[in-house]
Protein backbone atom coordinates (compact mmCIF):
# COMPACT_ATOMS: atom_id res chain seq x y z
CA MET A 1 2.47 -26.02 8.11
CA LYS A 2 1.43 -27.00 11.66
CA ILE A 3 1.21 -24.97 14.84
CA GLY A 4 0.84 -27.54 17.59
CA ARG A 5 -2.04 -29.72 16.42
CA LEU A 6 -3.45 -27.00 14.18
CA GLU A 7 -2.99 -27.94 10.52
CA LEU A 8 -2.60 -24.92 8.23
CA PRO A 9 -2.90 -24.87 4.43
CA PHE A 10 0.18 -22.78 3.66
CA ARG A 11 3.61 -24.03 2.68
CA GLY A 12 6.93 -22.35 2.05
CA LYS A 13 8.85 -19.59 3.75
CA ARG A 14 6.08 -17.00 3.47
CA ALA A 15 3.60 -19.22 5.27
CA PHE A 16 3.93 -17.34 8.55
CA LEU A 17 2.59 -14.00 7.31
CA LEU A 18 -0.08 -15.62 5.12
CA THR A 19 -1.27 -17.60 8.13
CA ILE A 20 -1.55 -14.41 10.21
CA LEU A 21 -3.61 -12.80 7.45
CA ALA A 22 -5.87 -15.83 7.15
CA LEU A 23 -6.47 -15.91 10.90
CA ALA A 24 -7.23 -12.16 10.87
CA ALA A 25 -9.68 -12.71 8.01
CA GLY A 26 -11.49 -15.45 9.88
CA ILE A 27 -10.74 -17.96 7.13
CA LEU A 28 -8.84 -20.27 9.45
CA PRO A 29 -10.57 -21.38 12.67
CA VAL A 30 -8.64 -20.65 15.85
CA ARG A 31 -9.03 -24.15 17.20
CA SER A 32 -7.14 -27.40 17.39
CA ALA A 33 -8.42 -30.96 17.14
CA ASP A 34 -9.23 -31.18 20.84
CA LYS A 35 -9.88 -27.56 21.86
CA PRO A 36 -12.80 -25.31 20.83
CA ALA A 37 -12.26 -21.81 19.48
CA PHE A 38 -11.73 -19.27 22.25
CA ASP A 39 -14.32 -16.60 23.00
CA ILE A 40 -12.45 -13.32 22.50
CA ALA A 41 -15.41 -11.23 23.73
CA ALA A 42 -15.55 -13.13 27.02
CA ILE A 43 -11.79 -12.86 27.47
CA GLU A 44 -11.62 -9.14 26.73
CA ARG A 45 -14.84 -8.02 28.42
CA PRO A 46 -13.44 -7.35 31.94
CA ARG A 47 -10.49 -5.36 30.60
CA ILE A 48 -12.59 -3.34 28.15
CA MET A 49 -15.36 -2.52 30.60
CA GLU A 50 -12.88 -1.34 33.22
CA LYS A 51 -11.17 0.91 30.68
CA ALA A 52 -14.52 2.18 29.39
CA ALA A 53 -15.63 3.15 32.91
CA ASN A 54 -12.44 5.16 33.36
CA TYR A 55 -12.62 6.86 29.96
CA LEU A 56 -16.24 7.96 30.46
CA GLY A 57 -14.91 10.63 32.78
CA GLU A 58 -12.28 11.93 30.35
CA GLU A 59 -12.75 15.19 28.46
CA PRO A 60 -11.44 15.68 24.89
CA ILE A 61 -7.85 16.83 24.39
CA THR A 62 -7.02 17.84 20.82
CA VAL A 63 -4.04 19.40 19.03
CA THR A 64 -5.21 22.86 20.09
CA ALA A 65 -4.42 22.07 23.74
CA SER A 66 -0.64 22.35 23.20
CA HIS A 67 1.79 24.02 20.83
CA SER A 68 5.53 23.89 20.20
CA ALA A 69 7.58 26.99 19.52
CA ARG A 70 9.43 24.91 16.91
CA SER A 71 6.24 24.30 14.89
CA ALA A 72 5.80 26.24 11.64
CA GLY A 73 2.08 25.49 11.75
CA GLY A 74 -0.86 27.06 13.52
CA PRO A 75 -2.88 25.96 16.56
CA HIS A 76 -4.96 23.47 14.52
CA ASP A 77 -1.98 21.77 12.87
CA PHE A 78 -0.63 18.45 14.10
CA PHE A 79 3.08 18.77 14.87
CA SER A 80 5.74 16.21 15.70
CA GLU A 81 9.50 15.94 15.40
CA GLY A 82 11.72 13.29 13.86
CA ASP A 83 12.53 10.74 16.54
CA TYR A 84 16.18 10.24 15.76
CA TRP A 85 17.28 13.86 15.41
CA TRP A 86 19.31 15.68 18.07
CA PRO A 87 20.99 19.03 18.71
CA ASP A 88 24.47 19.16 17.22
CA PRO A 89 27.03 19.31 20.10
CA LYS A 90 29.33 21.30 17.80
CA ASN A 91 26.57 23.77 16.92
CA PRO A 92 23.85 23.67 19.61
CA ASP A 93 21.74 26.40 17.99
CA GLY A 94 22.11 25.03 14.46
CA PRO A 95 20.35 22.27 12.52
CA TYR A 96 19.78 18.96 14.26
CA VAL A 97 21.88 15.90 13.40
CA GLN A 98 20.63 12.32 12.99
CA ARG A 99 21.34 9.40 15.33
CA ASP A 100 19.45 6.48 13.83
CA GLY A 101 17.74 4.29 16.40
CA MET A 102 18.21 6.78 19.25
CA SER A 103 15.06 8.73 20.19
CA ASN A 104 15.47 12.30 21.41
CA PRO A 105 13.56 12.55 24.73
CA ASP A 106 13.27 16.34 24.40
CA ASN A 107 11.22 16.23 21.20
CA PHE A 108 7.69 17.63 21.18
CA VAL A 109 5.33 14.65 21.56
CA GLU A 110 2.13 16.17 22.98
CA HIS A 111 0.15 15.88 19.74
CA ARG A 112 1.18 12.25 19.34
CA ARG A 113 0.09 11.52 22.89
CA ALA A 114 -3.23 13.28 22.35
CA MET A 115 -3.91 11.29 19.17
CA LEU A 116 -2.94 8.02 20.82
CA ARG A 117 -5.30 8.87 23.67
CA LEU A 118 -8.10 9.54 21.18
CA SER A 119 -7.42 6.17 19.55
CA GLU A 120 -7.62 4.41 22.90
CA ILE A 121 -10.84 6.18 23.87
CA ILE A 122 -12.66 5.58 20.58
CA GLY A 123 -11.48 1.98 20.36
CA THR A 124 -12.59 1.33 23.92
CA MET A 125 -15.97 3.05 23.51
CA GLY A 126 -16.61 1.08 20.33
CA SER A 127 -15.69 -2.20 22.00
CA ALA A 128 -17.84 -1.45 25.04
CA TYR A 129 -20.75 -0.65 22.74
CA VAL A 130 -20.33 -3.95 20.89
CA LEU A 131 -20.33 -5.83 24.19
CA THR A 132 -23.27 -4.03 25.82
CA ARG A 133 -25.20 -2.11 23.13
CA ASP A 134 -25.30 0.72 25.69
CA GLY A 135 -25.58 4.07 23.93
CA GLN A 136 -23.68 5.97 26.62
CA TYR A 137 -20.41 4.76 25.11
CA VAL A 138 -21.35 6.03 21.67
CA LYS A 139 -22.42 9.41 23.07
CA HIS A 140 -19.09 9.80 24.81
CA ALA A 141 -17.19 8.81 21.68
CA VAL A 142 -19.13 11.38 19.63
CA LYS A 143 -18.10 14.07 22.10
CA HIS A 144 -14.44 13.34 21.41
CA LEU A 145 -14.96 12.93 17.67
CA LYS A 146 -16.65 16.31 17.36
CA ALA A 147 -13.83 17.97 19.29
CA TRP A 148 -11.19 16.51 16.97
CA PHE A 149 -12.92 16.65 13.61
CA VAL A 150 -15.94 18.98 13.68
CA ASN A 151 -15.82 21.86 16.20
CA ALA A 152 -14.11 24.89 14.68
CA GLU A 153 -12.42 25.88 17.94
CA THR A 154 -10.67 22.57 18.62
CA LYS A 155 -10.53 20.45 15.46
CA MET A 156 -7.35 19.33 13.72
CA ASN A 157 -6.64 20.42 10.15
CA PRO A 158 -6.97 17.43 7.76
CA ASN A 159 -3.31 17.25 6.74
CA LEU A 160 0.10 16.39 8.15
CA LEU A 161 2.21 19.20 6.75
CA TYR A 162 4.21 19.54 9.96
CA GLY A 163 4.79 15.93 10.95
CA GLN A 164 8.27 14.73 11.95
CA ALA A 165 9.87 18.12 11.44
CA VAL A 166 13.60 18.55 11.96
CA LYS A 167 14.92 21.80 13.42
CA GLY A 168 16.94 23.73 10.88
CA ILE A 169 16.24 21.21 8.10
CA ALA A 170 12.51 20.71 7.46
CA THR A 171 9.25 22.14 8.83
CA GLY A 172 7.63 18.79 7.98
CA ARG A 173 8.46 15.58 6.13
CA SER A 174 6.69 12.75 4.34
CA THR A 175 7.72 10.36 7.12
CA GLY A 176 5.38 12.24 9.42
CA VAL A 177 2.42 10.52 7.76
CA ILE A 178 3.07 7.47 9.90
CA ASP A 179 2.07 9.48 12.98
CA THR A 180 -1.62 9.29 12.07
CA ILE A 181 -1.60 5.50 12.17
CA HIS A 182 -3.53 5.90 15.43
CA LEU A 183 -6.46 7.26 13.41
CA VAL A 184 -6.97 3.77 11.95
CA GLU A 185 -8.57 2.69 15.22
CA VAL A 186 -10.64 5.87 15.23
CA ALA A 187 -11.97 5.28 11.71
CA ARG A 188 -12.86 1.69 12.58
CA GLY A 189 -14.64 2.79 15.74
CA VAL A 190 -16.60 5.48 13.91
CA LEU A 191 -17.83 3.04 11.29
CA LEU A 192 -18.84 0.51 13.92
CA MET A 193 -20.68 2.98 16.16
CA SER A 194 -22.37 4.74 13.24
CA LYS A 195 -25.01 2.00 13.34
CA SER A 196 -26.11 3.17 16.78
CA PRO A 197 -29.34 5.22 16.95
CA VAL A 198 -27.64 7.67 19.35
CA PHE A 199 -24.93 8.60 16.82
CA PRO A 200 -26.50 11.62 15.04
CA LYS A 201 -26.37 11.26 11.27
CA SER A 202 -25.12 14.82 10.86
CA ASP A 203 -22.21 14.19 13.23
CA PHE A 204 -21.29 10.98 11.43
CA GLU A 205 -21.34 12.74 8.08
CA ASN A 206 -19.19 15.59 9.41
CA VAL A 207 -16.62 13.13 10.73
CA GLN A 208 -16.71 11.30 7.41
CA GLU A 209 -16.05 14.59 5.62
CA TRP A 210 -12.93 15.22 7.69
CA PHE A 211 -11.58 11.76 6.84
CA ARG A 212 -12.53 12.25 3.19
CA GLU A 213 -10.45 15.43 3.11
CA TYR A 214 -7.56 13.76 4.89
CA LEU A 215 -7.66 10.77 2.52
CA LYS A 216 -7.56 13.19 -0.42
CA TRP A 217 -4.49 14.86 1.06
CA LEU A 218 -2.93 11.48 1.83
CA THR A 219 -3.33 10.30 -1.76
CA THR A 220 -2.42 13.51 -3.61
CA HIS A 221 0.06 15.57 -1.60
CA PRO A 222 3.76 14.81 -2.26
CA TYR A 223 4.24 13.82 1.39
CA GLY A 224 1.49 11.22 1.06
CA THR A 225 2.53 9.81 -2.30
CA LYS A 226 6.16 9.59 -1.20
CA GLU A 227 5.11 7.51 1.81
CA ARG A 228 2.97 5.31 -0.43
CA ASP A 229 6.03 4.51 -2.51
CA ALA A 230 8.55 4.33 0.35
CA GLY A 231 9.24 0.60 -0.08
CA ASN A 232 9.39 -0.15 3.64
CA ASN A 233 7.21 -0.13 6.77
CA HIS A 234 6.17 3.46 6.02
CA ALA A 235 4.48 2.35 2.79
CA VAL A 236 2.63 -0.43 4.61
CA CYS A 237 1.47 2.01 7.31
CA TRP A 238 0.34 4.45 4.61
CA ALA A 239 -1.76 1.67 3.07
CA LEU A 240 -3.15 0.61 6.45
CA GLN A 241 -4.36 4.16 7.03
CA ALA A 242 -5.64 4.77 3.52
CA ALA A 243 -7.59 1.49 3.60
CA ALA A 244 -9.28 2.32 6.91
CA PHE A 245 -10.17 5.85 5.83
CA ALA A 246 -11.37 4.70 2.39
CA GLN A 247 -13.57 2.11 4.05
CA LEU A 248 -15.08 4.75 6.33
CA VAL A 249 -15.96 7.08 3.44
CA GLY A 250 -16.87 4.33 0.96
CA ASP A 251 -14.05 4.91 -1.53
CA GLN A 252 -14.05 1.56 -3.34
CA ARG A 253 -11.62 2.72 -6.03
CA GLN A 254 -8.98 3.51 -3.43
CA LEU A 255 -9.58 0.23 -1.62
CA ALA A 256 -9.08 -1.72 -4.84
CA ALA A 257 -5.81 0.09 -5.54
CA ILE A 258 -4.50 -0.65 -2.05
CA ARG A 259 -5.38 -4.34 -2.29
CA GLU A 260 -3.47 -4.55 -5.56
CA GLN A 261 -0.53 -2.77 -3.93
CA PHE A 262 -0.57 -5.36 -1.17
CA LYS A 263 -0.21 -8.25 -3.61
CA THR A 264 2.11 -6.75 -6.22
CA VAL A 265 4.33 -4.62 -3.99
CA PHE A 266 4.26 -5.58 -0.33
CA LEU A 267 4.26 -9.35 -0.78
CA ALA A 268 5.98 -9.59 -4.14
CA LYS A 269 8.71 -6.96 -3.63
CA GLN A 270 9.08 -5.79 -0.05
CA MET A 271 9.07 -9.32 1.37
CA ALA A 272 12.02 -11.47 0.30
CA LYS A 273 11.63 -15.12 -0.70
CA ASP A 274 12.93 -16.19 2.71
CA GLY A 275 10.08 -14.29 4.40
CA SER A 276 12.25 -11.42 5.64
CA PHE A 277 11.90 -7.70 4.99
CA PRO A 278 15.29 -6.47 3.70
CA GLU A 279 14.51 -2.78 4.16
CA GLU A 280 13.74 -3.38 7.84
CA LEU A 281 16.81 -5.59 8.34
CA ARG A 282 19.02 -2.68 7.28
CA ARG A 283 17.92 -0.61 10.26
CA THR A 284 19.68 -0.35 13.60
CA LYS A 285 16.78 -2.22 15.24
CA PRO A 286 15.97 -4.87 12.59
CA TYR A 287 14.01 -7.22 14.84
CA GLY A 288 11.68 -4.47 16.09
CA TYR A 289 11.13 -3.06 12.62
CA SER A 290 10.42 -6.51 11.17
CA LEU A 291 7.78 -7.19 13.82
CA PHE A 292 6.32 -3.74 13.23
CA VAL A 293 5.86 -4.23 9.49
CA ILE A 294 4.29 -7.67 10.01
CA ASP A 295 1.89 -6.16 12.54
CA ALA A 296 0.92 -3.42 10.06
CA MET A 297 0.43 -5.90 7.20
CA ALA A 298 -1.87 -8.02 9.36
CA GLY A 299 -3.82 -5.07 10.72
CA TRP A 300 -6.01 -4.11 7.78
CA PRO A 301 -9.65 -3.44 8.81
CA LYS A 302 -11.85 -6.16 7.31
CA SER A 303 -9.61 -6.23 4.26
CA PRO A 304 -7.70 -9.45 5.16
CA ARG A 305 -10.73 -11.49 4.07
CA ALA A 306 -10.98 -9.55 0.81
CA LEU A 307 -7.26 -9.98 0.27
CA MET A 308 -7.33 -13.69 0.99
CA THR A 309 -10.45 -14.51 -1.02
CA THR A 310 -11.91 -11.91 -3.38
CA PHE A 311 -8.48 -10.80 -4.52
CA GLY A 312 -7.04 -14.28 -4.84
CA LEU A 313 -4.37 -14.29 -2.17
CA MET A 314 -5.18 -17.91 -1.31
CA ASN A 315 -4.01 -18.79 -4.83
CA PHE A 316 -1.32 -16.11 -4.89
CA ARG A 317 0.48 -17.85 -2.04
CA MET A 318 1.16 -20.84 -4.27
CA ALA A 319 3.42 -18.69 -6.44
CA ALA A 320 4.83 -16.91 -3.42
CA ALA A 321 5.79 -20.05 -1.49
């Protein structure tokens, strides 16, 4: 397979995704015959430093800052509502009805926005620290991390019992697990900044404990296990999260199980021989869902290299092609 003048080792209809994984793992050089590899740090530095300067003035906002009357949970519980569920015109006060592919603009989204904001702040602080080794970015990140995961007054409970609720039908659903995909960036940032001398060991361990508890819930509660076995983009996003959290807390057993799931389920079963994802193609927005699942499969923290080498995916692709 060739992209321009770049010669790639993969063949067959699954070459595209395998190439993305190899590039993410750093196995393939991002260079052509006549052009050196680009310097991603130099390219991203102006954007990251501008964002970091802005975020240094931002105070933490956690799930305790807002609450929905439709939530069955308490002030420390993350709450969201199913995107494609609407009031029934025939029964406005009754259970919601589904309109697949059509998002309800009146749904409660404040907790999602707060978590996305946290992801942006921690990712930016971590990147700024990598570029400058300036401890001020780590200190600011720790402030937000403690608010979300340590401080009793403001922290989030380590579960997603009330995610993607549907009025009149469910106070929470397994599909809500996908909402914490933004914590992947947080877990990566925590692990990266934990090497800084200004990240107190006790704070790091407390944050680790929260993620350890959430990983336990994610891998044992029926909502979590149902997502793991969903057979579509939700399963991939479950694995993306579980891998990042397991890496943060050092759960090698869980990491090994997820890598095996990647090979034997995601590539072997969820992806068709023509490289498509049938479960995503069935949706009302098949192109968007297909891109989303590819993005999730290529987004594993540090695990692409393990997948492509230690776990034999370079050889696995021969059978998959």
